[in-house]
């Protein structure tokens, strides 16, 4: 998704669907989603969505690494969860 569109509220759901679909269609023992793949701070992502991603990793007895910002809008870091 283009960077100028990524953080717009109207593209949020599409971003979540896109990365879930990519992980679903490409099962692997290690899945890595890129830095700030999801346009939200980690603590603002829906828990059910995170559980669904974890389930995709478990089906391959594997792991999923998620690039996501942590912190808040005043002080944040790009993190891998």
N, C-alpha and C. Protein backbone atom coordinates (compact mmCIF):
# COMPACT_ATOMS: atom_id res chain seq x y z
N UNK A 1 0.84 -1.17 0.00
CA UNK A 1 0.00 0.00 0.00
C UNK A 1 0.89 1.24 0.00
N UNK A 2 0.59 2.22 -0.84
CA UNK A 2 1.39 3.44 -0.87
C UNK A 2 1.44 4.14 0.49
N UNK A 3 2.60 4.66 0.85
CA UNK A 3 2.79 5.28 2.16
C UNK A 3 1.84 6.45 2.40
N UNK A 4 1.50 7.20 1.36
CA UNK A 4 0.61 8.35 1.56
C UNK A 4 -0.83 7.93 1.87
N UNK A 5 -1.17 6.65 1.62
CA UNK A 5 -2.50 6.14 1.93
C UNK A 5 -2.54 5.29 3.18
N UNK A 6 -1.40 4.74 3.57
CA UNK A 6 -1.35 3.74 4.63
C UNK A 6 -2.02 4.18 5.93
N UNK A 7 -1.82 5.40 6.35
CA UNK A 7 -2.29 5.85 7.67
C UNK A 7 -3.66 6.51 7.63
N UNK A 8 -4.31 6.51 6.49
CA UNK A 8 -5.65 7.08 6.41
C UNK A 8 -6.66 6.11 7.03
N UNK A 9 -7.56 6.63 7.85
CA UNK A 9 -8.54 5.73 8.51
C UNK A 9 -9.34 4.88 7.54
N UNK A 10 -9.63 5.41 6.36
CA UNK A 10 -10.47 4.66 5.42
C UNK A 10 -9.74 3.46 4.79
N UNK A 11 -8.43 3.37 4.97
CA UNK A 11 -7.70 2.22 4.42
C UNK A 11 -7.32 1.19 5.50
N UNK A 12 -7.65 1.48 6.75
CA UNK A 12 -7.28 0.61 7.87
C UNK A 12 -7.75 -0.83 7.68
N UNK A 13 -9.04 -1.02 7.46
CA UNK A 13 -9.59 -2.38 7.33
C UNK A 13 -8.97 -3.11 6.14
N UNK A 14 -8.76 -2.40 5.05
CA UNK A 14 -8.16 -3.03 3.87
C UNK A 14 -6.73 -3.51 4.18
N UNK A 15 -5.98 -2.73 4.94
CA UNK A 15 -4.62 -3.13 5.31
C UNK A 15 -4.64 -4.40 6.15
N UNK A 16 -5.53 -4.44 7.13
CA UNK A 16 -5.63 -5.65 7.97
C UNK A 16 -5.98 -6.86 7.12
N UNK A 17 -6.96 -6.72 6.25
CA UNK A 17 -7.38 -7.84 5.39
C UNK A 17 -6.24 -8.28 4.48
N UNK A 18 -5.53 -7.33 3.90
CA UNK A 18 -4.44 -7.65 2.97
C UNK A 18 -3.38 -8.50 3.64
N UNK A 19 -2.90 -8.09 4.80
CA UNK A 19 -1.82 -8.83 5.44
C UNK A 19 -2.30 -10.17 6.01
N UNK A 20 -3.55 -10.23 6.45
CA UNK A 20 -4.08 -11.52 6.88
C UNK A 20 -4.16 -12.46 5.68
N UNK A 21 -4.65 -11.97 4.57
CA UNK A 21 -4.81 -12.80 3.37
C UNK A 21 -3.46 -13.29 2.87
N UNK A 22 -2.46 -12.41 2.88
CA UNK A 22 -1.12 -12.82 2.45
C UNK A 22 -0.57 -13.94 3.33
N UNK A 23 -0.73 -13.80 4.64
CA UNK A 23 -0.25 -14.84 5.55
C UNK A 23 -1.05 -16.14 5.36
N UNK A 24 -2.34 -16.02 5.11
CA UNK A 24 -3.19 -17.19 4.90
C UNK A 24 -2.78 -17.95 3.63
N UNK A 25 -2.52 -17.21 2.56
CA UNK A 25 -2.24 -17.83 1.27
C UNK A 25 -0.80 -18.34 1.12
N UNK A 26 0.06 -17.97 2.05
CA UNK A 26 1.47 -18.36 1.96
C UNK A 26 1.93 -18.95 3.29
N UNK A 27 1.41 -20.14 3.64
CA UNK A 27 1.79 -20.75 4.92
C UNK A 27 3.29 -21.03 4.97
N UNK A 28 3.86 -20.76 6.13
CA UNK A 28 5.30 -20.97 6.31
C UNK A 28 5.61 -21.15 7.79
N UNK A 29 6.76 -21.70 8.08
CA UNK A 29 7.16 -21.82 9.48
C UNK A 29 7.61 -20.48 10.04
N UNK A 30 8.00 -19.56 9.18
CA UNK A 30 8.34 -18.21 9.61
C UNK A 30 7.73 -17.22 8.62
N UNK A 31 6.82 -16.42 9.11
CA UNK A 31 6.20 -15.36 8.32
C UNK A 31 6.63 -14.03 8.92
N UNK A 32 7.10 -13.13 8.08
CA UNK A 32 7.54 -11.81 8.54
C UNK A 32 6.74 -10.76 7.80
N UNK A 33 5.98 -9.97 8.55
CA UNK A 33 5.27 -8.85 7.97
C UNK A 33 6.15 -7.61 8.12
N UNK A 34 6.20 -6.75 7.11
CA UNK A 34 7.18 -5.66 7.10
C UNK A 34 6.97 -4.60 8.19
N UNK A 35 8.00 -3.78 8.33
CA UNK A 35 7.97 -2.67 9.27
C UNK A 35 6.72 -1.81 9.03
N UNK A 36 6.03 -1.52 10.10
CA UNK A 36 4.76 -0.77 10.08
C UNK A 36 3.80 -1.28 9.02
N UNK A 37 3.75 -2.59 8.85
CA UNK A 37 2.81 -3.18 7.90
C UNK A 37 1.39 -2.77 8.25
N UNK A 38 1.08 -2.81 9.53
CA UNK A 38 -0.26 -2.47 9.98
C UNK A 38 -0.27 -1.03 10.49
N UNK A 39 -1.23 -0.23 10.04
CA UNK A 39 -1.24 1.20 10.33
C UNK A 39 -1.88 1.55 11.68
N UNK A 40 -1.32 1.00 12.74
CA UNK A 40 -1.82 1.29 14.09
C UNK A 40 -0.75 0.90 15.09
N UNK A 41 -0.80 1.53 16.24
CA UNK A 41 0.08 1.09 17.32
C UNK A 41 -0.37 -0.29 17.78
N UNK A 42 0.57 -1.07 18.26
CA UNK A 42 0.30 -2.45 18.66
C UNK A 42 -0.88 -2.54 19.63
N UNK A 43 -0.92 -1.66 20.61
CA UNK A 43 -1.99 -1.74 21.62
C UNK A 43 -3.35 -1.32 21.09
N UNK A 44 -3.40 -0.85 19.85
CA UNK A 44 -4.68 -0.47 19.24
C UNK A 44 -5.17 -1.46 18.18
N UNK A 45 -4.38 -2.49 17.95
CA UNK A 45 -4.83 -3.52 17.01
C UNK A 45 -5.87 -4.40 17.68
N UNK A 46 -6.87 -4.84 16.95
CA UNK A 46 -7.91 -5.69 17.54
C UNK A 46 -7.31 -7.00 18.04
N UNK A 47 -7.56 -7.35 19.32
CA UNK A 47 -7.03 -8.62 19.85
C UNK A 47 -7.44 -9.83 19.02
N UNK A 48 -8.65 -9.83 18.49
CA UNK A 48 -9.10 -10.96 17.67
C UNK A 48 -8.26 -11.07 16.40
N UNK A 49 -7.84 -9.95 15.85
CA UNK A 49 -7.00 -9.96 14.65
C UNK A 49 -5.64 -10.55 14.98
N UNK A 50 -5.05 -10.11 16.08
CA UNK A 50 -3.75 -10.65 16.50
C UNK A 50 -3.85 -12.15 16.77
N UNK A 51 -4.95 -12.58 17.40
CA UNK A 51 -5.16 -14.01 17.64
C UNK A 51 -5.26 -14.78 16.33
N UNK A 52 -5.94 -14.18 15.35
CA UNK A 52 -6.08 -14.84 14.04
C UNK A 52 -4.71 -14.99 13.36
N UNK A 53 -3.86 -13.96 13.44
CA UNK A 53 -2.52 -14.07 12.87
C UNK A 53 -1.72 -15.15 13.60
N UNK A 54 -1.84 -15.19 14.91
CA UNK A 54 -1.12 -16.22 15.68
C UNK A 54 -1.60 -17.61 15.28
N UNK A 55 -2.89 -17.74 15.01
CA UNK A 55 -3.44 -19.02 14.57
C UNK A 55 -2.87 -19.46 13.24
N UNK A 56 -2.64 -18.51 12.34
CA UNK A 56 -2.03 -18.85 11.05
C UNK A 56 -0.61 -19.38 11.24
N UNK A 57 0.12 -18.81 12.17
CA UNK A 57 1.48 -19.29 12.43
C UNK A 57 1.44 -20.68 13.06
N UNK A 58 0.53 -20.89 13.99
CA UNK A 58 0.44 -22.19 14.67
C UNK A 58 0.09 -23.33 13.73
N UNK A 59 -0.64 -23.05 12.68
CA UNK A 59 -1.03 -24.13 11.76
C UNK A 59 0.19 -24.76 11.09
N UNK A 60 1.30 -24.02 11.03
CA UNK A 60 2.54 -24.55 10.46
C UNK A 60 3.55 -24.87 11.56
N UNK A 61 3.09 -24.83 12.82
CA UNK A 61 3.98 -24.99 13.96
C UNK A 61 5.14 -24.00 13.84
N UNK A 62 4.77 -22.76 13.50
CA UNK A 62 5.77 -21.74 13.21
C UNK A 62 5.57 -20.46 13.99
N UNK A 63 6.16 -19.41 13.48
CA UNK A 63 6.12 -18.09 14.10
C UNK A 63 5.76 -17.04 13.06
N UNK A 64 5.20 -15.95 13.55
CA UNK A 64 4.89 -14.81 12.72
C UNK A 64 5.48 -13.58 13.40
N UNK A 65 6.32 -12.84 12.69
CA UNK A 65 6.89 -11.60 13.19
C UNK A 65 6.16 -10.44 12.54
N UNK A 66 5.75 -9.52 13.38
CA UNK A 66 4.92 -8.41 12.92
C UNK A 66 5.64 -7.09 13.18
N UNK A 67 5.91 -6.34 12.11
CA UNK A 67 6.48 -5.01 12.26
C UNK A 67 5.37 -4.03 12.57
N UNK A 68 5.46 -3.41 13.74
CA UNK A 68 4.38 -2.53 14.19
C UNK A 68 4.95 -1.48 15.14
N UNK A 69 4.42 -0.25 15.07
CA UNK A 69 4.89 0.75 16.02
C UNK A 69 4.35 0.47 17.43
N UNK A 70 5.19 0.76 18.41
CA UNK A 70 4.77 0.67 19.82
C UNK A 70 5.03 2.03 20.46
N UNK A 71 4.33 2.30 21.54
CA UNK A 71 4.46 3.58 22.23
C UNK A 71 3.22 4.40 22.00
N UNK A 72 3.42 5.71 21.75
CA UNK A 72 2.30 6.60 21.47
C UNK A 72 2.74 7.62 20.43
N UNK A 73 1.86 8.51 20.06
CA UNK A 73 2.17 9.43 18.97
C UNK A 73 3.28 10.42 19.32
N UNK A 74 3.53 10.64 20.60
CA UNK A 74 4.60 11.55 21.02
C UNK A 74 5.96 10.84 21.06
N UNK A 75 5.94 9.58 21.41
CA UNK A 75 7.20 8.82 21.52
C UNK A 75 6.91 7.38 21.12
N UNK A 76 7.49 6.98 20.02
CA UNK A 76 7.21 5.63 19.53
C UNK A 76 8.46 5.01 18.96
N UNK A 77 8.37 3.70 18.74
CA UNK A 77 9.47 2.95 18.15
C UNK A 77 8.90 1.94 17.16
N UNK A 78 9.64 1.68 16.10
CA UNK A 78 9.28 0.58 15.21
C UNK A 78 9.73 -0.69 15.90
N UNK A 79 8.82 -1.61 16.07
CA UNK A 79 9.11 -2.82 16.84
C UNK A 79 8.74 -4.06 16.06
N UNK A 80 9.30 -5.16 16.50
CA UNK A 80 8.94 -6.48 15.96
C UNK A 80 8.30 -7.25 17.11
N UNK A 81 7.10 -7.71 16.89
CA UNK A 81 6.34 -8.44 17.90
C UNK A 81 6.19 -9.88 17.41
